[in-house]
Amino acid sequence: PIVTSVSLLLCGDLASAQSIFVDLDIMSGSDLGAGAPSPSFAGAAGVPGFWNQVPTGNGGPWPLKDTTGAVTIVSMSWTGSGGGLGYNNPNISGDFKKLMADADPVGAGGLTYTITGLQSGAYKIYTYACEPQGEFWETDISVDGAQQGPMAVTGPMPFNQFALGVTHAIHDVNLSGSPLIIRAAEHWPKSYVNGFQILAVPEPFSISSFVLAIVALGAARRRRM
């Protein structure tokens, strides 16, 4: 059917190849947020896909799979982590809890993530930076070369809901062979990063191709009727 075919085309454009999801994970204690969200979890971006379970405090380099679960050449390294924190927050549950109830604490001098191997193109970066306990604590997120400047993420964490500036920051950036660099600035005494959604933005040509595909599918259906 046309609807199914179009849906597959759209999902392939938005959530394949170089789109990468990362859950910074304490790796033990399911009530503390351990375990990556399921592939059906769409996060604040509204796009489902495979989530990489990356250990907090590790430093990398850590290989990353794309949102289909396929192996890529993309990897992530980071400096400035203050270890790892998980908290059994009773106000959140399910996949939301797996992403948000554990985090990388930001060490003195800030926390920097360097992601290499991404294809050139436009990306929308969702950075989750909310304290797992759900209280009001600020983390300033910036992305090198982004259209937007630093964005404060403050909490307090809503019940199983995302809110820009409360649970996450969004930045738009164009990459041309250079690494993606995400920075978190510390606000004493505590700041945190929970994970990322790195979404490849379709080029105008891809969007035009998608529209043409809809037209072609419609014409094919009319011919069969």
Protein backbone atom coordinates (compact mmCIF):
# COMPACT_ATOMS: atom_id res chain seq x y z
CA PRO A 1 0.00 0.00 0.00
CA ILE A 2 1.07 3.59 -0.64
CA VAL A 3 0.98 4.62 3.03
CA THR A 4 3.32 1.81 4.06
CA SER A 5 5.75 2.50 1.21
CA VAL A 6 5.84 6.22 1.95
CA SER A 7 6.39 5.59 5.66
CA LEU A 8 9.34 3.35 4.88
CA LEU A 9 10.84 5.99 2.60
CA LEU A 10 10.46 8.71 5.23
CA CYS A 11 11.94 6.59 8.02
CA GLY A 12 14.84 5.68 5.75
CA ASP A 13 15.55 9.37 5.14
CA LEU A 14 15.36 10.54 8.75
CA ALA A 15 16.69 7.67 10.83
CA SER A 16 19.23 5.65 8.87
CA ALA A 17 22.89 5.71 7.85
CA GLN A 18 24.50 8.51 9.84
CA SER A 19 21.83 9.10 12.47
CA ILE A 20 23.24 7.94 15.82
CA PHE A 21 21.55 7.61 19.24
CA VAL A 22 23.61 7.33 22.46
CA ASP A 23 22.53 6.43 25.99
CA LEU A 24 25.28 7.21 28.52
CA ASP A 25 24.77 4.26 30.82
CA ILE A 26 25.96 3.11 34.25
CA MET A 27 25.69 -0.51 32.95
CA SER A 28 24.23 -2.06 36.13
CA GLY A 29 21.09 -1.63 38.24
CA SER A 30 17.96 -1.45 36.09
CA ASP A 31 16.18 0.65 38.74
CA LEU A 32 19.05 3.16 38.42
CA GLY A 33 18.60 3.61 34.68
CA ALA A 34 20.94 0.86 33.45
CA GLY A 35 20.15 -0.54 30.01
CA ALA A 36 19.59 1.30 26.76
CA PRO A 37 16.11 2.36 25.62
CA SER A 38 14.35 0.07 23.17
CA PRO A 39 14.51 0.80 19.40
CA SER A 40 10.86 1.91 19.53
CA PHE A 41 11.78 4.81 21.84
CA ALA A 42 11.71 8.06 19.84
CA GLY A 43 13.09 10.48 22.45
CA ALA A 44 12.57 14.22 22.12
CA ALA A 45 13.41 14.02 18.41
CA GLY A 46 10.31 11.92 17.75
CA VAL A 47 12.32 9.39 15.72
CA PRO A 48 12.69 5.76 16.90
CA GLY A 49 15.88 3.78 16.39
CA PHE A 50 18.66 1.71 17.92
CA TRP A 51 20.28 3.24 21.03
CA ASN A 52 23.98 2.65 21.71
CA GLN A 53 24.64 1.72 25.32
CA VAL A 54 27.85 3.59 26.16
CA PRO A 55 29.42 3.26 29.64
CA THR A 56 29.66 6.50 31.63
CA GLY A 57 33.14 7.62 32.59
CA ASN A 58 34.82 5.30 30.06
CA GLY A 59 36.38 7.94 27.83
CA GLY A 60 36.40 5.78 24.70
CA PRO A 61 36.98 5.60 21.86
CA TRP A 62 33.65 3.75 21.72
CA PRO A 63 32.27 2.38 18.42
CA LEU A 64 28.74 3.48 17.54
CA LYS A 65 26.04 1.80 15.46
CA ASP A 66 23.47 3.72 13.45
CA THR A 67 19.75 3.82 14.19
CA THR A 68 19.18 0.60 12.23
CA GLY A 69 21.70 -1.20 14.46
CA ALA A 70 24.24 -1.45 11.63
CA VAL A 71 27.98 -1.16 12.30
CA THR A 72 29.52 2.16 11.23
CA ILE A 73 32.96 3.78 11.32
CA VAL A 74 31.62 6.36 13.78
CA SER A 75 33.16 6.43 17.26
CA MET A 76 32.97 8.64 20.32
CA SER A 77 35.66 9.75 22.77
CA TRP A 78 35.27 12.07 25.73
CA THR A 79 37.26 13.88 28.40
CA GLY A 80 36.24 15.54 31.64
CA SER A 81 33.78 12.93 32.91
CA GLY A 82 33.16 12.84 36.63
CA GLY A 83 32.38 9.10 36.58
CA GLY A 84 28.78 7.95 36.50
CA LEU A 85 25.54 8.47 38.41
CA GLY A 86 22.34 6.43 38.47
CA TYR A 87 19.31 7.23 40.59
CA ASN A 88 16.06 5.36 41.21
CA ASN A 89 13.79 8.28 40.40
CA PRO A 90 10.23 7.13 41.21
CA ASN A 91 8.71 9.84 38.99
CA ILE A 92 9.97 8.37 35.70
CA SER A 93 9.69 4.92 34.14
CA GLY A 94 10.29 2.70 31.12
CA ASP A 95 12.56 3.78 28.28
CA PHE A 96 12.49 7.37 29.53
CA LYS A 97 14.04 6.16 32.79
CA LYS A 98 16.72 4.15 30.96
CA LEU A 99 17.86 7.31 29.20
CA MET A 100 17.39 9.92 31.91
CA ALA A 101 17.96 8.17 35.28
CA ASP A 102 21.69 7.72 34.70
CA ALA A 103 24.26 10.18 33.42
CA ASP A 104 27.85 11.33 33.01
CA PRO A 105 28.60 13.91 35.72
CA VAL A 106 30.49 16.88 34.31
CA GLY A 107 33.96 17.13 35.84
CA ALA A 108 35.89 20.28 36.69
CA GLY A 109 36.72 22.22 33.55
CA GLY A 110 33.81 20.77 31.57
CA LEU A 111 33.03 17.60 29.62
CA THR A 112 33.85 17.30 25.90
CA TYR A 113 32.53 14.62 23.51
CA THR A 114 34.28 14.13 20.16
CA ILE A 115 32.42 12.04 17.58
CA THR A 116 34.40 11.07 14.49
CA GLY A 117 33.48 9.29 11.27
CA LEU A 118 30.17 11.03 10.54
CA GLN A 119 29.46 11.70 6.87
CA SER A 120 29.48 15.30 5.72
CA GLY A 121 26.12 17.01 5.86
CA ALA A 122 23.60 18.75 8.09
CA TYR A 123 22.76 17.37 11.52
CA LYS A 124 20.35 18.21 14.33
CA ILE A 125 21.85 17.40 17.73
CA TYR A 126 19.68 16.61 20.77
CA THR A 127 21.75 16.61 23.98
CA TYR A 128 20.04 15.32 27.13
CA ALA A 129 21.50 17.01 30.21
CA CYS A 130 19.15 16.67 33.16
CA GLU A 131 20.02 15.66 36.72
CA PRO A 132 18.78 12.06 37.30
CA GLN A 133 17.26 12.96 40.68
CA GLY A 134 15.04 15.40 38.81
CA GLU A 135 16.06 18.57 40.65
CA PHE A 136 16.92 22.01 39.26
CA TRP A 137 20.60 22.03 38.28
CA GLU A 138 21.99 23.77 35.20
CA THR A 139 24.19 22.30 32.47
CA ASP A 140 25.27 24.52 29.57
CA ILE A 141 25.53 22.64 26.26
CA SER A 142 27.33 23.91 23.16
CA VAL A 143 28.25 22.34 19.81
CA ASP A 144 31.28 23.58 17.89
CA GLY A 145 30.21 25.32 14.66
CA ALA A 146 26.49 25.17 15.46
CA GLN A 147 24.02 27.81 14.33
CA GLN A 148 22.96 28.27 17.96
CA GLY A 149 25.14 29.32 20.86
CA PRO A 150 25.32 27.60 24.26
CA MET A 151 21.97 26.44 25.61
CA ALA A 152 21.18 25.97 29.30
CA VAL A 153 19.40 22.78 30.37
CA THR A 154 18.03 23.23 33.85
CA GLY A 155 15.51 20.61 34.98
CA PRO A 156 13.54 19.87 37.07
CA MET A 157 12.72 16.70 35.17
CA PRO A 158 9.06 16.32 34.15
CA PHE A 159 7.29 12.95 34.49
CA ASN A 160 8.21 10.95 31.36
CA GLN A 161 8.16 14.10 29.21
CA PHE A 162 10.74 16.08 27.28
CA ALA A 163 10.94 19.87 27.27
CA LEU A 164 13.49 22.00 25.44
CA GLY A 165 15.78 23.76 27.92
CA VAL A 166 14.49 21.56 30.74
CA THR A 167 15.59 18.06 29.70
CA HIS A 168 17.64 18.72 26.57
CA ALA A 169 19.28 21.18 24.18
CA ILE A 170 19.03 21.27 20.38
CA HIS A 171 21.74 22.47 18.01
CA ASP A 172 21.99 22.51 14.19
CA VAL A 173 25.39 21.99 12.63
CA ASN A 174 26.90 21.30 9.22
CA LEU A 175 29.84 18.90 9.13
CA SER A 176 32.35 18.65 6.30
CA GLY A 177 34.76 15.92 7.24
CA SER A 178 35.34 17.37 10.69
CA PRO A 179 34.44 15.71 14.02
CA LEU A 180 31.27 16.60 15.86
CA ILE A 181 32.27 18.21 19.16
CA ILE A 182 29.72 18.60 21.96
CA ARG A 183 30.69 20.46 25.14
CA ALA A 184 29.05 20.53 28.56
CA ALA A 185 30.04 23.31 30.95
CA GLU A 186 30.00 22.57 34.66
CA HIS A 187 27.83 24.53 37.05
CA TRP A 188 28.97 23.84 40.61
CA PRO A 189 28.20 21.59 42.35
CA LYS A 190 26.70 19.29 39.70
CA SER A 191 25.93 19.10 35.99
CA TYR A 192 25.11 16.02 33.91
CA VAL A 193 24.81 14.59 30.39
CA ASN A 194 22.40 11.67 29.81
CA GLY A 195 22.85 11.00 26.10
CA PHE A 196 22.39 12.20 22.53
CA GLN A 197 20.29 11.91 19.40
CA ILE A 198 22.34 12.87 16.36
CA LEU A 199 19.97 13.15 13.39
CA ALA A 200 21.10 13.47 9.79
CA VAL A 201 18.93 16.13 8.12
CA PRO A 202 17.76 15.20 4.60
CA GLU A 203 19.11 17.38 1.81
CA PRO A 204 16.59 19.32 -0.31
CA PHE A 205 17.22 16.85 -3.13
CA SER A 206 16.23 13.98 -0.86
CA ILE A 207 13.02 15.75 0.13
CA SER A 208 12.22 16.38 -3.55
CA SER A 209 12.87 12.73 -4.30
CA PHE A 210 10.50 11.79 -1.49
CA VAL A 211 7.73 13.98 -2.95
CA LEU A 212 8.32 12.50 -6.40
CA ALA A 213 8.13 9.02 -4.89
CA ILE A 214 4.70 9.82 -3.42
CA VAL A 215 3.49 11.01 -6.82
CA ALA A 216 4.87 7.91 -8.54
CA LEU A 217 3.27 5.58 -5.99
CA GLY A 218 -0.07 7.36 -6.47
CA ALA A 219 0.15 7.04 -10.25
CA ALA A 220 1.00 3.35 -9.96
CA ARG A 221 -2.00 2.77 -7.73
CA ARG A 222 -4.35 4.57 -10.15
CA ARG A 223 -3.09 2.40 -13.01
CA ARG A 224 -3.92 -0.74 -11.03
CA MET A 225 -7.48 0.43 -10.29
